[in-house]
Protein backbone atom coordinates (compact mmCIF):
# COMPACT_ATOMS: atom_id res chain seq x y z
CA MET A 1 68.83 63.78 131.15
CA LYS A 2 70.13 61.40 133.79
CA HIS A 3 69.21 57.75 133.70
CA PHE A 4 65.68 57.32 135.02
CA PRO A 5 65.99 55.45 138.34
CA LEU A 6 62.97 53.16 137.86
CA ASP A 7 62.18 50.58 135.22
CA LYS A 8 58.88 49.96 133.44
CA LYS A 9 57.83 47.28 135.92
CA HIS A 10 58.15 49.61 138.91
CA ILE A 11 56.36 52.45 137.16
CA LYS A 12 53.46 50.16 136.24
CA GLU A 13 53.15 49.20 139.91
CA ILE A 14 52.96 52.89 140.82
CA LEU A 15 50.35 53.41 138.09
CA ASN A 16 48.05 51.03 139.97
CA THR A 17 47.77 53.73 142.66
CA PHE A 18 48.62 57.01 140.91
CA PRO A 19 47.26 57.66 137.42
CA THR A 20 49.28 59.74 134.98
CA PRO A 21 50.26 62.47 134.75
CA PHE A 22 52.31 62.79 137.94
CA TYR A 23 55.73 63.89 139.14
CA ILE A 24 58.17 61.56 140.80
CA TYR A 25 61.38 62.50 142.62
CA ASP A 26 64.51 60.57 143.49
CA GLU A 27 65.01 61.49 147.16
CA GLU A 28 68.44 59.88 147.33
CA ALA A 29 69.59 61.94 144.35
CA VAL A 30 68.20 65.17 145.87
CA LEU A 31 70.14 64.54 149.07
CA ALA A 32 73.28 63.67 147.13
CA ASN A 33 73.06 67.01 145.32
CA ALA A 34 72.46 68.79 148.63
CA ARG A 35 75.51 67.16 150.19
CA SER A 36 77.67 68.00 147.20
CA LEU A 37 76.67 71.67 147.35
CA SER A 38 77.33 71.85 151.09
CA GLU A 39 80.72 70.20 150.75
CA VAL A 40 81.81 72.55 147.96
CA PHE A 41 81.53 75.57 150.29
CA SER A 42 82.43 73.82 153.56
CA TRP A 43 85.70 75.79 153.66
CA ASN A 44 83.67 78.92 154.47
CA LYS A 45 82.59 79.11 158.11
CA GLY A 46 78.92 80.02 158.14
CA SER A 47 78.18 79.18 154.51
CA LYS A 48 74.53 78.38 153.93
CA GLU A 49 72.22 77.41 151.09
CA PHE A 50 68.75 78.95 151.00
CA PHE A 51 66.87 76.66 148.63
CA ALA A 52 64.91 78.66 146.05
CA VAL A 53 61.32 77.74 146.86
CA LYS A 54 60.16 78.97 143.45
CA ALA A 55 62.18 76.15 141.86
CA ASN A 56 60.14 73.48 143.62
CA PRO A 57 57.46 74.50 146.16
CA ASN A 58 56.94 70.95 147.37
CA PRO A 59 56.59 70.83 151.18
CA PHE A 60 58.05 67.34 151.45
CA ILE A 61 61.18 68.37 149.55
CA LEU A 62 61.47 71.59 151.58
CA LYS A 63 61.35 69.59 154.82
CA ILE A 64 63.92 67.09 153.55
CA LEU A 65 66.31 69.85 152.57
CA ASN A 66 65.76 71.76 155.81
CA LYS A 67 66.76 68.66 157.79
CA HIS A 68 69.99 68.74 155.79
CA GLY A 69 70.59 72.31 156.95
CA PHE A 70 69.15 74.25 154.03
CA GLY A 71 67.17 77.42 154.57
CA ALA A 72 64.56 78.77 152.17
CA ASP A 73 64.66 81.62 149.66
CA CYS A 74 61.20 83.17 149.28
CA SER A 75 59.79 85.85 147.00
CA SER A 76 56.06 85.98 147.79
CA MET A 77 53.49 85.70 150.56
CA ASP A 78 52.54 82.20 149.43
CA GLU A 79 56.13 81.02 149.72
CA LEU A 80 56.55 82.61 153.16
CA ILE A 81 53.41 80.85 154.42
CA LEU A 82 54.51 77.56 152.86
CA VAL A 83 57.95 77.50 154.50
CA GLU A 84 56.48 78.62 157.82
CA LYS A 85 54.11 75.64 157.73
CA CYS A 86 57.14 73.46 157.01
CA GLY A 87 58.71 74.70 160.25
CA ILE A 88 61.25 77.01 158.59
CA ASN A 89 61.46 80.41 160.30
CA GLY A 90 63.78 83.17 161.43
CA GLU A 91 67.07 83.68 159.67
CA GLU A 92 66.57 80.33 157.98
CA VAL A 93 64.45 82.35 155.53
CA MET A 94 65.70 84.87 152.98
CA PHE A 95 62.97 87.11 151.58
CA THR A 96 63.73 88.79 148.24
CA SER A 97 60.93 90.36 146.24
CA ASN A 98 60.10 93.35 144.08
CA ASN A 99 57.08 95.67 143.89
CA THR A 100 56.40 94.31 147.37
CA PRO A 101 53.13 95.02 149.26
CA ALA A 102 53.33 96.04 152.91
CA GLU A 103 51.70 92.82 154.14
CA GLU A 104 54.51 90.72 152.68
CA PHE A 105 57.19 92.76 154.43
CA GLN A 106 55.13 92.51 157.61
CA LYS A 107 54.88 88.72 157.30
CA ALA A 108 58.62 88.41 156.66
CA GLY A 109 59.27 90.63 159.67
CA GLU A 110 56.96 88.58 161.91
CA MET A 111 58.83 85.42 160.85
CA GLY A 112 62.20 87.02 161.58
CA ALA A 113 63.29 86.41 157.98
CA ILE A 114 66.29 88.14 156.44
CA ILE A 115 64.78 90.88 154.28
CA ASN A 116 66.70 91.55 151.08
CA LEU A 117 65.59 94.85 149.54
CA ASP A 118 65.39 95.24 145.80
CA ASP A 119 64.73 98.99 145.59
CA ILE A 120 66.23 101.96 147.43
CA THR A 121 62.74 103.46 147.88
CA HIS A 122 61.73 100.36 149.83
CA ILE A 123 63.89 101.46 152.77
CA GLU A 124 61.39 104.13 153.79
CA PHE A 125 58.44 101.91 152.86
CA LEU A 126 59.73 99.02 154.99
CA ASP A 127 60.52 101.30 157.90
CA LYS A 128 56.98 102.72 157.88
CA CYS A 129 55.11 99.43 157.54
CA CYS A 130 57.05 97.30 160.02
CA GLY A 131 60.20 99.07 161.18
CA MET A 132 63.81 98.72 160.14
CA PRO A 133 65.14 95.29 161.14
CA SER A 134 68.57 94.97 162.72
CA LEU A 135 69.71 92.80 159.78
CA ILE A 136 69.09 94.10 156.27
CA SER A 137 70.41 93.10 152.86
CA PHE A 138 70.36 94.77 149.45
CA ARG A 139 70.27 93.33 145.95
CA TYR A 140 72.84 94.77 143.57
CA ASN A 141 72.19 95.22 139.85
CA PRO A 142 75.53 95.70 138.02
CA GLY A 143 73.90 97.14 134.89
CA ASN A 144 76.14 97.12 131.84
CA LYS A 145 79.11 95.91 133.89
CA ARG A 146 77.85 92.34 133.48
CA LYS A 147 75.90 90.40 130.88
CA GLY A 148 72.91 88.23 131.69
CA ASN A 149 71.67 85.35 129.57
CA PHE A 150 68.75 84.34 127.36
CA ILE A 151 66.36 83.50 130.18
CA ILE A 152 66.82 86.44 132.55
CA GLY A 153 68.05 89.09 130.09
CA ASN A 154 70.72 91.75 130.62
CA PRO A 155 70.93 93.37 134.08
CA GLU A 156 70.51 96.95 132.83
CA ASP A 157 67.13 96.02 131.32
CA SER A 158 65.94 94.30 134.48
CA LYS A 159 63.61 95.71 137.12
CA TYR A 160 65.62 94.03 139.86
CA GLY A 161 68.14 95.54 142.22
CA LEU A 162 69.97 98.76 143.10
CA THR A 163 72.56 100.57 141.00
CA TYR A 164 76.15 100.91 142.18
CA ASP A 165 75.64 104.45 143.50
CA GLN A 166 72.29 103.62 145.11
CA LEU A 167 73.88 100.72 146.96
CA PHE A 168 76.17 102.85 149.13
CA GLU A 169 73.43 105.37 149.84
CA ALA A 170 71.08 102.55 150.83
CA TYR A 171 73.45 101.04 153.40
CA GLU A 172 74.09 104.43 155.00
CA THR A 173 70.36 105.22 155.13
CA ALA A 174 69.52 101.81 156.64
CA ARG A 175 72.22 102.27 159.26
CA GLN A 176 70.82 105.66 160.21
CA LYS A 177 67.41 104.03 160.67
CA GLY A 178 68.78 101.46 163.10
CA ALA A 179 70.15 98.54 161.07
CA THR A 180 73.34 97.10 162.59
CA ARG A 181 73.94 93.98 160.50
CA PHE A 182 74.22 93.93 156.72
CA GLY A 183 74.19 91.57 153.76
CA LEU A 184 74.86 91.92 150.05
CA HIS A 185 73.09 89.99 147.28
CA THR A 186 72.85 89.66 143.52
CA PHE A 187 71.17 87.39 140.98
CA ILE A 188 71.92 88.11 137.33
CA ALA A 189 71.62 84.83 135.38
CA SER A 190 69.39 81.79 135.26
CA ASN A 191 70.18 78.23 134.14
CA GLU A 192 73.76 79.23 133.31
CA LEU A 193 76.19 76.40 132.44
CA ASP A 194 79.42 78.43 132.28
CA PRO A 195 81.17 77.81 135.65
CA ASP A 196 83.34 80.92 135.32
CA TYR A 197 80.20 83.08 135.35
CA PHE A 198 79.65 82.28 139.04
CA ILE A 199 83.28 82.90 139.93
CA GLU A 200 83.04 86.33 138.31
CA THR A 201 79.84 87.03 140.26
CA ALA A 202 81.47 86.07 143.56
CA SER A 203 84.52 88.24 142.81
CA MET A 204 82.24 91.16 141.97
CA LEU A 205 80.46 90.86 145.34
CA PHE A 206 83.74 90.42 147.23
CA ASP A 207 85.06 93.65 145.68
CA LEU A 208 81.87 95.44 146.77
CA ALA A 209 82.22 94.11 150.30
CA VAL A 210 85.73 95.58 150.47
CA GLU A 211 84.44 98.91 149.16
CA LEU A 212 81.71 98.98 151.80
CA LYS A 213 84.32 98.52 154.50
CA LYS A 214 86.59 101.21 153.10
CA ARG A 215 83.95 103.81 152.18
CA LEU A 216 81.39 103.32 154.96
CA ASN A 217 83.44 101.53 157.65
CA MET A 218 80.87 98.74 157.37
CA GLU A 219 81.62 95.05 157.34
CA PRO A 220 78.90 92.98 155.64
CA GLU A 221 77.96 89.84 157.53
CA PHE A 222 77.33 87.85 154.36
CA VAL A 223 77.29 87.95 150.60
CA ASN A 224 74.56 86.00 148.84
CA LEU A 225 75.79 84.73 145.47
CA GLY A 226 72.22 84.21 144.30
CA GLY A 227 71.32 81.23 142.17
CA GLY A 228 71.39 80.45 138.49
CA ILE A 229 73.54 77.33 138.20
CA GLY A 230 71.99 75.44 135.33
CA ILE A 231 71.49 71.78 134.60
CA PRO A 232 71.95 69.91 131.30
CA TYR A 233 68.69 69.44 129.42
CA LYS A 234 70.18 68.17 126.18
CA PRO A 235 72.21 64.93 126.09
CA GLU A 236 75.29 66.73 124.76
CA GLU A 237 75.33 69.33 127.56
CA LYS A 238 77.53 68.93 130.64
CA SER A 239 76.78 69.66 134.28
CA VAL A 240 78.52 72.57 135.98
CA ASP A 241 81.59 71.35 137.88
CA LEU A 242 80.65 72.47 141.39
CA LYS A 243 84.05 71.57 142.85
CA TYR A 244 85.75 73.81 140.30
CA VAL A 245 83.36 76.65 141.15
CA GLY A 246 83.89 76.22 144.91
CA ASN A 247 87.69 76.02 144.65
CA ARG A 248 87.95 79.09 142.41
CA ILE A 249 85.61 81.10 144.66
CA LYS A 250 87.80 80.10 147.61
CA ILE A 251 90.85 81.50 145.81
CA ALA A 252 88.98 84.77 145.15
CA PHE A 253 87.80 84.86 148.78
CA GLU A 254 91.35 84.59 150.11
CA LYS A 255 92.72 87.09 147.61
CA LEU A 256 90.05 89.76 147.95
CA LEU A 257 88.57 89.34 151.43
CA VAL A 258 91.07 87.71 153.76
CA SER A 259 93.73 90.18 152.68
CA ASN A 260 91.34 93.03 153.57
CA GLY A 261 90.31 91.80 157.00
CA LEU A 262 86.99 90.27 155.94
CA SER A 263 87.78 86.61 156.59
CA GLN A 264 84.62 86.16 158.70
CA LEU A 265 82.28 87.02 155.84
CA LYS A 266 79.73 84.24 155.24
CA ILE A 267 78.82 82.95 151.81
CA PHE A 268 75.13 82.36 151.19
CA MET A 269 73.52 80.84 148.09
CA GLU A 270 69.99 80.33 146.82
CA TYR A 271 70.31 77.53 144.30
CA GLY A 272 67.19 75.62 143.35
CA ARG A 273 67.25 74.03 139.92
CA VAL A 274 70.68 72.41 140.40
CA VAL A 275 69.52 70.72 143.62
CA THR A 276 66.22 69.17 142.55
CA GLY A 277 66.05 69.68 138.78
CA PRO A 278 67.97 66.54 137.77
CA CYS A 279 65.97 64.45 140.25
CA GLY A 280 62.38 65.13 139.23
CA TYR A 281 60.44 63.58 136.35
CA LEU A 282 57.08 64.08 134.73
CA VAL A 283 55.46 60.72 133.98
CA THR A 284 52.74 60.82 131.32
CA ARG A 285 51.26 58.50 128.70
CA VAL A 286 50.43 58.64 125.04
CA ARG A 287 46.67 59.09 124.77
CA HIS A 288 46.26 59.44 121.00
CA LYS A 289 48.28 59.37 117.81
CA LYS A 290 47.33 61.58 114.90
CA ASN A 291 48.71 61.77 111.39
CA THR A 292 47.90 64.71 109.11
CA TYR A 293 50.67 66.81 107.64
CA LYS A 294 52.79 65.70 110.59
CA ASN A 295 52.86 62.90 113.16
CA PHE A 296 51.35 64.00 116.46
CA ALA A 297 51.61 62.20 119.80
CA GLY A 298 48.98 63.51 122.23
CA LEU A 299 49.78 63.02 125.91
CA ASP A 300 47.49 62.97 128.93
CA ALA A 301 49.58 65.85 130.36
CA SER A 302 49.37 69.45 129.21
CA MET A 303 51.02 72.84 129.58
CA SER A 304 49.65 73.08 133.12
CA ASN A 305 51.93 70.16 134.02
CA LEU A 306 55.03 71.42 132.21
CA MET A 307 54.98 75.08 131.16
CA ARG A 308 58.54 75.75 130.03
CA PRO A 309 58.35 74.33 126.46
CA GLY A 310 55.21 76.34 125.68
CA MET A 311 56.45 79.53 127.32
CA TYR A 312 59.84 79.91 125.66
CA ASN A 313 60.64 76.81 123.62
CA ALA A 314 62.62 75.19 126.43
CA TYR A 315 64.04 71.81 125.50
CA HIS A 316 62.96 68.88 127.68
CA HIS A 317 64.38 65.50 126.88
CA ILE A 318 61.86 62.73 126.22
CA SER A 319 62.35 59.06 127.01
CA VAL A 320 59.95 56.27 126.18
CA LEU A 321 60.04 53.80 129.04
CA GLY A 322 60.92 50.33 127.83
CA LYS A 323 62.12 51.63 124.46
CA GLU A 324 65.42 53.14 125.58
CA ASN A 325 67.34 50.85 123.24
CA SER A 326 64.92 51.06 120.33
CA GLU A 327 65.87 52.97 117.20
CA SER A 328 64.64 56.57 117.11
CA ASN A 329 63.38 56.97 113.55
CA VAL A 330 59.97 58.70 113.63
CA LEU A 331 59.49 62.48 113.65
CA TYR A 332 56.80 63.62 116.12
CA ASP A 333 55.23 66.73 117.53
CA VAL A 334 54.51 65.80 121.14
CA THR A 335 51.57 67.81 122.48
CA GLY A 336 49.14 68.21 125.33
CA SER A 337 45.39 68.47 124.95
CA LEU A 338 45.61 71.26 122.34
CA CYS A 339 47.58 70.76 119.14
CA GLU A 340 48.81 74.34 119.22
CA ASN A 341 52.27 75.72 119.79
CA ASN A 342 51.31 77.08 123.19
CA ASP A 343 50.62 73.59 124.52
CA LYS A 344 53.57 71.75 123.09
CA PHE A 345 56.07 69.51 124.78
CA ALA A 346 58.33 68.98 121.81
CA ILE A 347 58.30 69.93 118.14
CA ASP A 348 60.05 67.86 115.47
CA ARG A 349 61.46 65.35 117.95
CA ILE A 350 62.80 62.06 116.56
CA LEU A 351 61.65 59.22 118.81
CA PRO A 352 61.07 55.48 118.68
CA GLU A 353 57.73 54.63 117.09
CA LEU A 354 55.09 55.37 119.71
CA GLU A 355 52.02 53.36 120.62
CA ILE A 356 48.94 54.42 122.57
CA GLY A 357 49.64 53.83 126.24
CA ASP A 358 53.42 54.27 125.98
CA ILE A 359 54.89 55.79 129.14
CA ILE A 360 56.76 59.04 128.50
CA ILE A 361 59.38 60.35 130.94
CA SER A 362 60.61 63.95 130.90
CA PRO A 363 62.62 65.97 133.45
CA LYS A 364 60.25 68.17 135.44
CA ILE A 365 62.44 71.27 135.72
């Protein structure tokens, strides 16, 4: 976890207006991350980041990022309505969903969003409910050709995306129905910290773009690398080196695309966690202490404020404001309102000795 940008004095001033639990974001840090991501791919004319709304559906953050040039990646009706109310429309919006109802395709079409289809059968469904748009994209699932990770699973077990063979059939069918512009997309890992994983993903999509040109005489307008760049949750973990990723993808771009006459292809992304994750914090307080067979610290926050630990044992670092330099020598289970595993924040975490009222800081995402 990065150093918390506020000290105990400032947080106590905020507490006079906003009771715990609440989230707080470092706007300067969010913008710094946004600038870094934009600079990494600035070598590609037309590169664009579509911030993953699911990572942080906060309208203020969406507006801040949109002013910086970010679009929005949406996957539901709620997200489409949210970004529309934030003034984000047209091809500033990428809509990727699965098992999609007609009204969501219709809403995306009304907004002029880029529709990214997840299923070959959705071509006919989309055409019937709102017509084939001029620009269409498809999500590729590489199956056993690539491995996923713990969070998202292996691609061949996933419900997302088209197979290799379906992909070529889908582009030809969409073209016959009137589409004239095309995109290619994938998303096969979440919270991944291996930088080479994203270079391999980009190379995979670049190869497919070349195949589309050769087999179908079709030049994709963009490839969307998806998201999935992780952030360090544990103190010993390291951030992904974005400059390394950008430079290596540039090498692959020149080798695979420029040499095949696809130098105008745009690179899109839909990163979320890496942009805002290190900049948001849950602020909560110790409400009770309980000692039975274990030491329990009960917070005034619960699983509704931070779901990841209860859902799949995700690690979230815990800092005790004002005790950063104190010795950590007491073993605690840190819980919400229910002392059950499904409402936990941390199990068997060694912390400084806690007192009722202590302010606890934990990364939000």
